[in-house]
Amino acid sequence: ERINLEIRRNFLTLRAGCARGSCLVLTGRRLYDLSAFARLHPGGQQVLLERAGTDVSAALDGPPHRHSANARRWLQQYYLGELDAGRRFLNSEP
């Protein structure tokens, strides 16, 4: 289940969602909810949960490995929207 309404407020809400067990991550300003995917992650659920509430851009590029184009496409289905420079939620895709 996505947490759209809560995340729209600001970056602090992102952190609060993670504290409640959601796996919300950023790549740059793009926000994703990986909660439903975490248990399916090939590298293990714990890897994602440890990065909840953070920018995972560097992790996508490795080490230990660079994620494939397919993994990056897969990520898009969990996209929620973008945060502006002040860490406020800007928009979302349906």
PDB file of N, CA and C in Angstrom:
ATOM      1  N   GLU A   1       0.853  -1.185   0.000  1.00  0.00           N
ATOM      2  CA  GLU A   1       0.000   0.000   0.000  1.00  0.00           C
ATOM      3  C   GLU A   1       0.895   1.244   0.000  1.00  0.00           C
ATOM      4  N   ARG A   2       0.587   2.178  -0.863  1.00  0.00           N
ATOM      5  CA  ARG A   2       1.360   3.421  -0.921  1.00  0.00           C
ATOM      6  C   ARG A   2       0.880   4.387   0.141  1.00  0.00           C
ATOM      7  N   ILE A   3       1.760   5.274   0.534  1.00  0.00           N
ATOM      8  CA  ILE A   3       1.457   6.212   1.613  1.00  0.00           C
ATOM      9  C   ILE A   3       1.371   7.617   1.036  1.00  0.00           C
ATOM     10  N   ASN A   4       0.739   7.755  -0.126  1.00  0.00           N
ATOM     11  CA  ASN A   4       0.721   9.009  -0.880  1.00  0.00           C
ATOM     12  C   ASN A   4       0.335  10.226  -0.059  1.00  0.00           C
ATOM     13  N   LEU A   5      -0.755  10.197   0.648  1.00  0.00           N
ATOM     14  CA  LEU A   5      -1.231  11.390   1.347  1.00  0.00           C
ATOM     15  C   LEU A   5      -0.245  11.873   2.391  1.00  0.00           C
ATOM     16  N   GLU A   6       0.375  10.975   3.108  1.00  0.00           N
ATOM     17  CA  GLU A   6       1.329  11.388   4.141  1.00  0.00           C
ATOM     18  C   GLU A   6       2.613  11.919   3.534  1.00  0.00           C
ATOM     19  N   ILE A   7       3.072  11.321   2.452  1.00  0.00           N
ATOM     20  CA  ILE A   7       4.348  11.711   1.864  1.00  0.00           C
ATOM     21  C   ILE A   7       4.277  13.068   1.198  1.00  0.00           C
ATOM     22  N   ARG A   8       3.131  13.469   0.759  1.00  0.00           N
ATOM     23  CA  ARG A   8       2.999  14.743   0.058  1.00  0.00           C
ATOM     24  C   ARG A   8       3.375  15.937   0.923  1.00  0.00           C
ATOM     25  N   ARG A   9       3.344  15.795   2.195  1.00  0.00           N
ATOM     26  CA  ARG A   9       3.601  16.956   3.053  1.00  0.00           C
ATOM     27  C   ARG A   9       5.046  17.422   2.985  1.00  0.00           C
ATOM     28  N   ASN A  10       6.003  16.599   3.380  1.00  0.00           N
ATOM     29  CA  ASN A  10       7.398  17.028   3.338  1.00  0.00           C
ATOM     30  C   ASN A  10       8.360  15.898   3.666  1.00  0.00           C
ATOM     31  N   PHE A  11       9.623  16.212   3.647  1.00  0.00           N
ATOM     32  CA  PHE A  11      10.661  15.218   3.890  1.00  0.00           C
ATOM     33  C   PHE A  11      10.570  14.619   5.289  1.00  0.00           C
ATOM     34  N   LEU A  12      10.128  15.382   6.272  1.00  0.00           N
ATOM     35  CA  LEU A  12       9.992  14.839   7.627  1.00  0.00           C
ATOM     36  C   LEU A  12       8.967  13.715   7.659  1.00  0.00           C
ATOM     37  N   THR A  13       7.949  13.840   6.860  1.00  0.00           N
ATOM     38  CA  THR A  13       6.953  12.784   6.773  1.00  0.00           C
ATOM     39  C   THR A  13       7.572  11.528   6.168  1.00  0.00           C
ATOM     40  N   LEU A  14       8.491  11.709   5.228  1.00  0.00           N
ATOM     41  CA  LEU A  14       9.226  10.584   4.661  1.00  0.00           C
ATOM     42  C   LEU A  14       9.929   9.817   5.778  1.00  0.00           C
ATOM     43  N   ARG A  15      10.628  10.545   6.619  1.00  0.00           N
ATOM     44  CA  ARG A  15      11.341   9.913   7.732  1.00  0.00           C
ATOM     45  C   ARG A  15      10.374   9.246   8.698  1.00  0.00           C
ATOM     46  N   ALA A  16       9.253   9.879   8.972  1.00  0.00           N
ATOM     47  CA  ALA A  16       8.261   9.303   9.880  1.00  0.00           C
ATOM     48  C   ALA A  16       7.696   8.011   9.293  1.00  0.00           C
ATOM     49  N   GLY A  17       7.462   7.987   7.986  1.00  0.00           N
ATOM     50  CA  GLY A  17       6.972   6.774   7.330  1.00  0.00           C
ATOM     51  C   GLY A  17       7.967   5.637   7.460  1.00  0.00           C
ATOM     52  N   CYS A  18       9.231   5.955   7.339  1.00  0.00           N
ATOM     53  CA  CYS A  18      10.272   4.938   7.482  1.00  0.00           C
ATOM     54  C   CYS A  18      10.315   4.416   8.922  1.00  0.00           C
ATOM     55  N   ALA A  19      10.117   5.303   9.868  1.00  0.00           N
ATOM     56  CA  ALA A  19      10.122   4.894  11.273  1.00  0.00           C
ATOM     57  C   ALA A  19       8.969   3.930  11.560  1.00  0.00           C
ATOM     58  N   ARG A  20       7.890   4.029  10.787  1.00  0.00           N
ATOM     59  CA  ARG A  20       6.741   3.128  10.962  1.00  0.00           C
ATOM     60  C   ARG A  20       6.897   1.842  10.150  1.00  0.00           C
ATOM     61  N   GLY A  21       8.023   1.676   9.495  1.00  0.00           N
ATOM     62  CA  GLY A  21       8.281   0.439   8.774  1.00  0.00           C
ATOM     63  C   GLY A  21       8.151   0.510   7.269  1.00  0.00           C
ATOM     64  N   SER A  22       7.825   1.663   6.721  1.00  0.00           N
ATOM     65  CA  SER A  22       7.756   1.810   5.264  1.00  0.00           C
ATOM     66  C   SER A  22       9.167   1.901   4.708  1.00  0.00           C
ATOM     67  N   CYS A  23       9.341   1.439   3.505  1.00  0.00           N
ATOM     68  CA  CYS A  23      10.650   1.501   2.861  1.00  0.00           C
ATOM     69  C   CYS A  23      10.592   2.546   1.758  1.00  0.00           C
ATOM     70  N   LEU A  24      10.731   3.795   2.156  1.00  0.00           N
ATOM     71  CA  LEU A  24      10.693   4.936   1.240  1.00  0.00           C
ATOM     72  C   LEU A  24      12.119   5.367   0.958  1.00  0.00           C
ATOM     73  N   VAL A  25      12.466   5.511  -0.317  1.00  0.00           N
ATOM     74  CA  VAL A  25      13.814   5.913  -0.695  1.00  0.00           C
ATOM     75  C   VAL A  25      13.759   6.991  -1.765  1.00  0.00           C
ATOM     76  N   LEU A  26      14.876   7.676  -1.917  1.00  0.00           N
ATOM     77  CA  LEU A  26      15.032   8.705  -2.944  1.00  0.00           C
ATOM     78  C   LEU A  26      16.128   8.295  -3.912  1.00  0.00           C
ATOM     79  N   THR A  27      15.987   8.732  -5.167  1.00  0.00           N
ATOM     80  CA  THR A  27      17.111   8.778  -6.097  1.00  0.00           C
ATOM     81  C   THR A  27      17.120  10.216  -6.574  1.00  0.00           C
ATOM     82  N   GLY A  28      18.049  10.977  -6.047  1.00  0.00           N
ATOM     83  CA  GLY A  28      18.012  12.421  -6.282  1.00  0.00           C
ATOM     84  C   GLY A  28      16.774  12.977  -5.610  1.00  0.00           C
ATOM     85  N   ARG A  29      15.886  13.589  -6.408  1.00  0.00           N
ATOM     86  CA  ARG A  29      14.635  14.137  -5.851  1.00  0.00           C
ATOM     87  C   ARG A  29      13.453  13.198  -6.053  1.00  0.00           C
ATOM     88  N   ARG A  30      13.660  12.097  -6.771  1.00  0.00           N
ATOM     89  CA  ARG A  30      12.570  11.153  -7.066  1.00  0.00           C
ATOM     90  C   ARG A  30      12.323  10.240  -5.864  1.00  0.00           C
ATOM     91  N   LEU A  31      11.066  10.126  -5.483  1.00  0.00           N
ATOM     92  CA  LEU A  31      10.672   9.381  -4.289  1.00  0.00           C
ATOM     93  C   LEU A  31       9.984   8.074  -4.681  1.00  0.00           C
ATOM     94  N   TYR A  32      10.383   6.994  -4.018  1.00  0.00           N
ATOM     95  CA  TYR A  32       9.838   5.665  -4.283  1.00  0.00           C
ATOM     96  C   TYR A  32       9.404   5.006  -2.979  1.00  0.00           C
ATOM     97  N   ASP A  33       8.347   4.207  -3.054  1.00  0.00           N
ATOM     98  CA  ASP A  33       7.903   3.397  -1.925  1.00  0.00           C
ATOM     99  C   ASP A  33       8.200   1.943  -2.266  1.00  0.00           C
ATOM    100  N   LEU A  34       9.269   1.400  -1.691  1.00  0.00           N
ATOM    101  CA  LEU A  34       9.694   0.031  -1.963  1.00  0.00           C
ATOM    102  C   LEU A  34       9.182  -0.956  -0.914  1.00  0.00           C
ATOM    103  N   SER A  35       8.221  -0.543  -0.115  1.00  0.00           N
ATOM    104  CA  SER A  35       7.706  -1.390   0.962  1.00  0.00           C
ATOM    105  C   SER A  35       7.248  -2.755   0.445  1.00  0.00           C
ATOM    106  N   ALA A  36       6.492  -2.778  -0.642  1.00  0.00           N
ATOM    107  CA  ALA A  36       5.972  -4.034  -1.174  1.00  0.00           C
ATOM    108  C   ALA A  36       7.060  -4.866  -1.857  1.00  0.00           C
ATOM    109  N   PHE A  37       8.116  -4.209  -2.314  1.00  0.00           N
ATOM    110  CA  PHE A  37       9.190  -4.898  -3.027  1.00  0.00           C
ATOM    111  C   PHE A  37      10.296  -5.398  -2.106  1.00  0.00           C
ATOM    112  N   ALA A  38      10.439  -4.815  -0.934  1.00  0.00           N
ATOM    113  CA  ALA A  38      11.592  -5.109  -0.074  1.00  0.00           C
ATOM    114  C   ALA A  38      11.802  -6.606   0.140  1.00  0.00           C
ATOM    115  N   ARG A  39      10.749  -7.339   0.410  1.00  0.00           N
ATOM    116  CA  ARG A  39      10.904  -8.774   0.672  1.00  0.00           C
ATOM    117  C   ARG A  39      11.289  -9.553  -0.584  1.00  0.00           C
ATOM    118  N   LEU A  40      11.092  -8.965  -1.771  1.00  0.00           N
ATOM    119  CA  LEU A  40      11.436  -9.615  -3.031  1.00  0.00           C
ATOM    120  C   LEU A  40      12.828  -9.243  -3.539  1.00  0.00           C
ATOM    121  N   HIS A  41      13.469  -8.282  -2.910  1.00  0.00           N
ATOM    122  CA  HIS A  41      14.757  -7.775  -3.385  1.00  0.00           C
ATOM    123  C   HIS A  41      15.790  -8.902  -3.426  1.00  0.00           C
ATOM    124  N   PRO A  42      16.432  -9.115  -4.579  1.00  0.00           N
ATOM    125  CA  PRO A  42      17.399 -10.214  -4.710  1.00  0.00           C
ATOM    126  C   PRO A  42      18.563 -10.142  -3.713  1.00  0.00           C
ATOM    127  N   GLY A  43      18.917  -8.935  -3.300  1.00  0.00           N
ATOM    128  CA  GLY A  43      20.004  -8.776  -2.330  1.00  0.00           C
ATOM    129  C   GLY A  43      19.554  -8.899  -0.886  1.00  0.00           C
ATOM    130  N   GLY A  44      18.265  -9.127  -0.694  1.00  0.00           N
ATOM    131  CA  GLY A  44      17.714  -9.285   0.649  1.00  0.00           C
ATOM    132  C   GLY A  44      16.959  -8.055   1.108  1.00  0.00           C
ATOM    133  N   GLN A  45      15.955  -8.284   1.899  1.00  0.00           N
ATOM    134  CA  GLN A  45      15.103  -7.214   2.424  1.00  0.00           C
ATOM    135  C   GLN A  45      15.885  -6.250   3.301  1.00  0.00           C
ATOM    136  N   GLN A  46      16.795  -6.771   4.110  1.00  0.00           N
ATOM    137  CA  GLN A  46      17.523  -5.934   5.062  1.00  0.00           C
ATOM    138  C   GLN A  46      18.319  -4.829   4.374  1.00  0.00           C
ATOM    139  N   VAL A  47      18.858  -5.139   3.195  1.00  0.00           N
ATOM    140  CA  VAL A  47      19.637  -4.146   2.437  1.00  0.00           C
ATOM    141  C   VAL A  47      18.785  -2.907   2.167  1.00  0.00           C
ATOM    142  N   LEU A  48      17.548  -3.117   1.748  1.00  0.00           N
ATOM    143  CA  LEU A  48      16.666  -1.986   1.463  1.00  0.00           C
ATOM    144  C   LEU A  48      16.206  -1.296   2.737  1.00  0.00           C
ATOM    145  N   LEU A  49      15.859  -2.062   3.745  1.00  0.00           N
ATOM    146  CA  LEU A  49      15.371  -1.459   4.985  1.00  0.00           C
ATOM    147  C   LEU A  49      16.432  -0.589   5.642  1.00  0.00           C
ATOM    148  N   GLU A  50      17.693  -0.971   5.522  1.00  0.00           N
ATOM    149  CA  GLU A  50      18.785  -0.160   6.082  1.00  0.00           C
ATOM    150  C   GLU A  50      18.931   1.167   5.355  1.00  0.00           C
ATOM    151  N   ARG A  51      18.465   1.229   4.121  1.00  0.00           N
ATOM    152  CA  ARG A  51      18.584   2.458   3.321  1.00  0.00           C
ATOM    153  C   ARG A  51      17.297   3.269   3.282  1.00  0.00           C
ATOM    154  N   ALA A  52      16.266   2.821   3.966  1.00  0.00           N
ATOM    155  CA  ALA A  52      14.991   3.548   3.990  1.00  0.00           C
ATOM    156  C   ALA A  52      15.206   4.975   4.483  1.00  0.00           C
ATOM    157  N   GLY A  53      14.587   5.926   3.796  1.00  0.00           N
ATOM    158  CA  GLY A  53      14.699   7.331   4.172  1.00  0.00           C
ATOM    159  C   GLY A  53      15.936   8.017   3.639  1.00  0.00           C
ATOM    160  N   THR A  54      16.696   7.338   2.777  1.00  0.00           N
ATOM    161  CA  THR A  54      17.932   7.910   2.252  1.00  0.00           C
ATOM    162  C   THR A  54      17.909   7.962   0.725  1.00  0.00           C
ATOM    163  N   ASP A  55      18.915   8.614   0.159  1.00  0.00           N
ATOM    164  CA  ASP A  55      19.101   8.653  -1.285  1.00  0.00           C
ATOM    165  C   ASP A  55      19.916   7.418  -1.682  1.00  0.00           C
ATOM    166  N   VAL A  56      19.344   6.572  -2.514  1.00  0.00           N
ATOM    167  CA  VAL A  56      20.000   5.322  -2.892  1.00  0.00           C
ATOM    168  C   VAL A  56      20.698   5.405  -4.257  1.00  0.00           C
ATOM    169  N   SER A  57      20.884   6.602  -4.772  1.00  0.00           N
ATOM    170  CA  SER A  57      21.508   6.778  -6.091  1.00  0.00           C
ATOM    171  C   SER A  57      22.859   6.081  -6.178  1.00  0.00           C
ATOM    172  N   ALA A  58      23.717   6.286  -5.193  1.00  0.00           N
ATOM    173  CA  ALA A  58      25.053   5.684  -5.217  1.00  0.00           C
ATOM    174  C   ALA A  58      24.961   4.162  -5.139  1.00  0.00           C
ATOM    175  N   ALA A  59      24.021   3.645  -4.358  1.00  0.00           N
ATOM    176  CA  ALA A  59      23.862   2.191  -4.235  1.00  0.00           C
ATOM    177  C   ALA A  59      23.415   1.569  -5.560  1.00  0.00           C
ATOM    178  N   LEU A  60      22.626   2.299  -6.340  1.00  0.00           N
ATOM    179  CA  LEU A  60      22.195   1.780  -7.643  1.00  0.00           C
ATOM    180  C   LEU A  60      23.366   1.654  -8.610  1.00  0.00           C
ATOM    181  N   ASP A  61      24.377   2.504  -8.418  1.00  0.00           N
ATOM    182  CA  ASP A  61      25.544   2.487  -9.296  1.00  0.00           C
ATOM    183  C   ASP A  61      26.674   1.616  -8.759  1.00  0.00           C
ATOM    184  N   GLY A  62      26.473   0.996  -7.576  1.00  0.00           N
ATOM    185  CA  GLY A  62      27.466   0.099  -6.990  1.00  0.00           C
ATOM    186  C   GLY A  62      28.416   0.842  -6.094  1.00  0.00           C
ATOM    187  N   PRO A  63      29.281   0.162  -5.371  1.00  0.00           N
ATOM    188  CA  PRO A  63      29.394  -1.284  -5.261  1.00  0.00           C
ATOM    189  C   PRO A  63      28.297  -1.862  -4.380  1.00  0.00           C
ATOM    190  N   PRO A  64      28.071  -3.138  -4.314  1.00  0.00           N
ATOM    191  CA  PRO A  64      28.948  -4.172  -4.882  1.00  0.00           C
ATOM    192  C   PRO A  64      28.762  -4.377  -6.374  1.00  0.00           C
ATOM    193  N   HIS A  65      27.666  -3.879  -6.949  1.00  0.00           N
ATOM    194  CA  HIS A  65      27.467  -4.015  -8.386  1.00  0.00           C
ATOM    195  C   HIS A  65      26.554  -2.895  -8.881  1.00  0.00           C
ATOM    196  N   ARG A  66      26.652  -2.646 -10.162  1.00  0.00           N
ATOM    197  CA  ARG A  66      25.769  -1.658 -10.785  1.00  0.00           C
ATOM    198  C   ARG A  66      24.454  -2.364 -11.126  1.00  0.00           C
ATOM    199  N   HIS A  67      23.343  -1.759 -10.727  1.00  0.00           N
ATOM    200  CA  HIS A  67      22.043  -2.354 -11.029  1.00  0.00           C
ATOM    201  C   HIS A  67      21.763  -2.279 -12.530  1.00  0.00           C
ATOM    202  N   SER A  68      21.122  -3.285 -13.034  1.00  0.00           N
ATOM    203  CA  SER A  68      20.833  -3.401 -14.468  1.00  0.00           C
ATOM    204  C   SER A  68      19.777  -2.389 -14.910  1.00  0.00           C
ATOM    205  N   ALA A  69      19.678  -2.226 -16.215  1.00  0.00           N
ATOM    206  CA  ALA A  69      18.627  -1.372 -16.782  1.00  0.00           C
ATOM    207  C   ALA A  69      17.264  -1.939 -16.421  1.00  0.00           C
ATOM    208  N   ASN A  70      17.148  -3.244 -16.386  1.00  0.00           N
ATOM    209  CA  ASN A  70      15.887  -3.874 -16.019  1.00  0.00           C
ATOM    210  C   ASN A  70      15.508  -3.536 -14.573  1.00  0.00           C
ATOM    211  N   ALA A  71      16.480  -3.556 -13.671  1.00  0.00           N
ATOM    212  CA  ALA A  71      16.221  -3.209 -12.268  1.00  0.00           C
ATOM    213  C   ALA A  71      15.764  -1.756 -12.162  1.00  0.00           C
ATOM    214  N   ARG A  72      16.349  -0.893 -12.952  1.00  0.00           N
ATOM    215  CA  ARG A  72      15.956   0.521 -12.931  1.00  0.00           C
ATOM    216  C   ARG A  72      14.548   0.727 -13.493  1.00  0.00           C
ATOM    217  N   ARG A  73      14.189  -0.037 -14.507  1.00  0.00           N
ATOM    218  CA  ARG A  73      12.812   0.020 -15.029  1.00  0.00           C
ATOM    219  C   ARG A  73      11.833  -0.513 -13.987  1.00  0.00           C
ATOM    220  N   TRP A  74      12.212  -1.573 -13.307  1.00  0.00           N
ATOM    221  CA  TRP A  74      11.374  -2.173 -12.270  1.00  0.00           C
ATOM    222  C   TRP A  74      11.093  -1.152 -11.169  1.00  0.00           C
ATOM    223  N   LEU A  75      12.103  -0.382 -10.824  1.00  0.00           N
ATOM    224  CA  LEU A  75      11.977   0.640  -9.784  1.00  0.00           C
ATOM    225  C   LEU A  75      10.864   1.636 -10.102  1.00  0.00           C
ATOM    226  N   GLN A  76      10.665   1.947 -11.375  1.00  0.00           N
ATOM    227  CA  GLN A  76       9.705   2.980 -11.765  1.00  0.00           C
ATOM    228  C   GLN A  76       8.270   2.685 -11.334  1.00  0.00           C
ATOM    229  N   GLN A  77       7.916   1.433 -11.185  1.00  0.00           N
ATOM    230  CA  GLN A  77       6.544   1.125 -10.769  1.00  0.00           C
ATOM    231  C   GLN A  77       6.262   1.531  -9.326  1.00  0.00           C
ATOM    232  N   TYR A  78       7.312   1.858  -8.573  1.00  0.00           N
ATOM    233  CA  TYR A  78       7.157   2.272  -7.180  1.00  0.00           C
ATOM    234  C   TYR A  78       7.306   3.785  -6.994  1.00  0.00           C
ATOM    235  N   TYR A  79       7.371   4.501  -8.105  1.00  0.00           N
ATOM    236  CA  TYR A  79       7.550   5.958  -8.088  1.00  0.00           C
ATOM    237  C   TYR A  79       6.333   6.658  -7.488  1.00  0.00           C
ATOM    238  N   LEU A  80       6.597   7.585  -6.567  1.00  0.00           N
ATOM    239  CA  LEU A  80       5.523   8.372  -5.950  1.00  0.00           C
ATOM    240  C   LEU A  80       5.492   9.806  -6.444  1.00  0.00           C
ATOM    241  N   GLY A  81       6.658  10.401  -6.705  1.00  0.00           N
ATOM    242  CA  GLY A  81       6.721  11.795  -7.109  1.00  0.00           C
ATOM    243  C   GLY A  81       8.096  12.359  -6.812  1.00  0.00           C
ATOM    244  N   GLU A  82       8.188  13.691  -6.793  1.00  0.00           N
ATOM    245  CA  GLU A  82       9.470  14.350  -6.561  1.00  0.00           C
ATOM    246  C   GLU A  82       9.393  15.291  -5.371  1.00  0.00           C
ATOM    247  N   LEU A  83      10.547  15.490  -4.750  1.00  0.00           N
ATOM    248  CA  LEU A  83      10.683  16.469  -3.678  1.00  0.00           C
ATOM    249  C   LEU A  83      11.427  17.658  -4.247  1.00  0.00           C
ATOM    250  N   ASP A  84      11.060  18.862  -3.830  1.00  0.00           N
ATOM    251  CA  ASP A  84      11.809  20.030  -4.281  1.00  0.00           C
ATOM    252  C   ASP A  84      13.048  20.186  -3.407  1.00  0.00           C
ATOM    253  N   ALA A  85      13.844  21.223  -3.662  1.00  0.00           N
ATOM    254  CA  ALA A  85      15.088  21.419  -2.919  1.00  0.00           C
ATOM    255  C   ALA A  85      14.840  21.565  -1.425  1.00  0.00           C
ATOM    256  N   GLY A  86      13.674  22.057  -1.040  1.00  0.00           N
ATOM    257  CA  GLY A  86      13.330  22.183   0.375  1.00  0.00           C
ATOM    258  C   GLY A  86      12.745  20.909   0.947  1.00  0.00           C
ATOM    259  N   ARG A  87      12.844  19.820   0.177  1.00  0.00           N
ATOM    260  CA  ARG A  87      12.350  18.504   0.571  1.00  0.00           C
ATOM    261  C   ARG A  87      10.839  18.456   0.739  1.00  0.00           C
ATOM    262  N   ARG A  88      10.134  19.306  -0.019  1.00  0.00           N
ATOM    263  CA  ARG A  88       8.673  19.255  -0.035  1.00  0.00           C
ATOM    264  C   ARG A  88       8.241  18.414  -1.228  1.00  0.00           C
ATOM    265  N   PHE A  89       7.152  17.726  -1.098  1.00  0.00           N
ATOM    266  CA  PHE A  89       6.633  16.887  -2.167  1.00  0.00           C
ATOM    267  C   PHE A  89       6.029  17.767  -3.249  1.00  0.00           C
ATOM    268  N   LEU A  90       6.408  17.526  -4.510  1.00  0.00           N
ATOM    269  CA  LEU A  90       5.922  18.359  -5.605  1.00  0.00           C
ATOM    270  C   LEU A  90       4.739  17.753  -6.346  1.00  0.00           C
ATOM    271  N   ASN A  91       4.876  16.524  -6.793  1.00  0.00           N
ATOM    272  CA  ASN A  91       3.832  15.939  -7.637  1.00  0.00           C
ATOM    273  C   ASN A  91       3.901  14.424  -7.571  1.00  0.00           C
ATOM    274  N   SER A  92       2.961  13.773  -8.200  1.00  0.00           N
ATOM    275  CA  SER A  92       2.994  12.331  -8.273  1.00  0.00           C
ATOM    276  C   SER A  92       2.412  11.877  -9.594  1.00  0.00           C
ATOM    277  N   GLU A  93       2.759  10.670  -9.964  1.00  0.00           N
ATOM    278  CA  GLU A  93       2.184  10.062 -11.139  1.00  0.00           C
ATOM    279  C   GLU A  93       1.063   9.153 -10.678  1.00  0.00           C
ATOM    280  N   PRO A  94       0.025   8.995 -11.458  1.00  0.00           N
ATOM    281  CA  PRO A  94      -1.089   8.121 -11.053  1.00  0.00           C
ATOM    282  C   PRO A  94      -0.667   6.679 -10.918  1.00  0.00           C
TER     283      PRO A  94
END
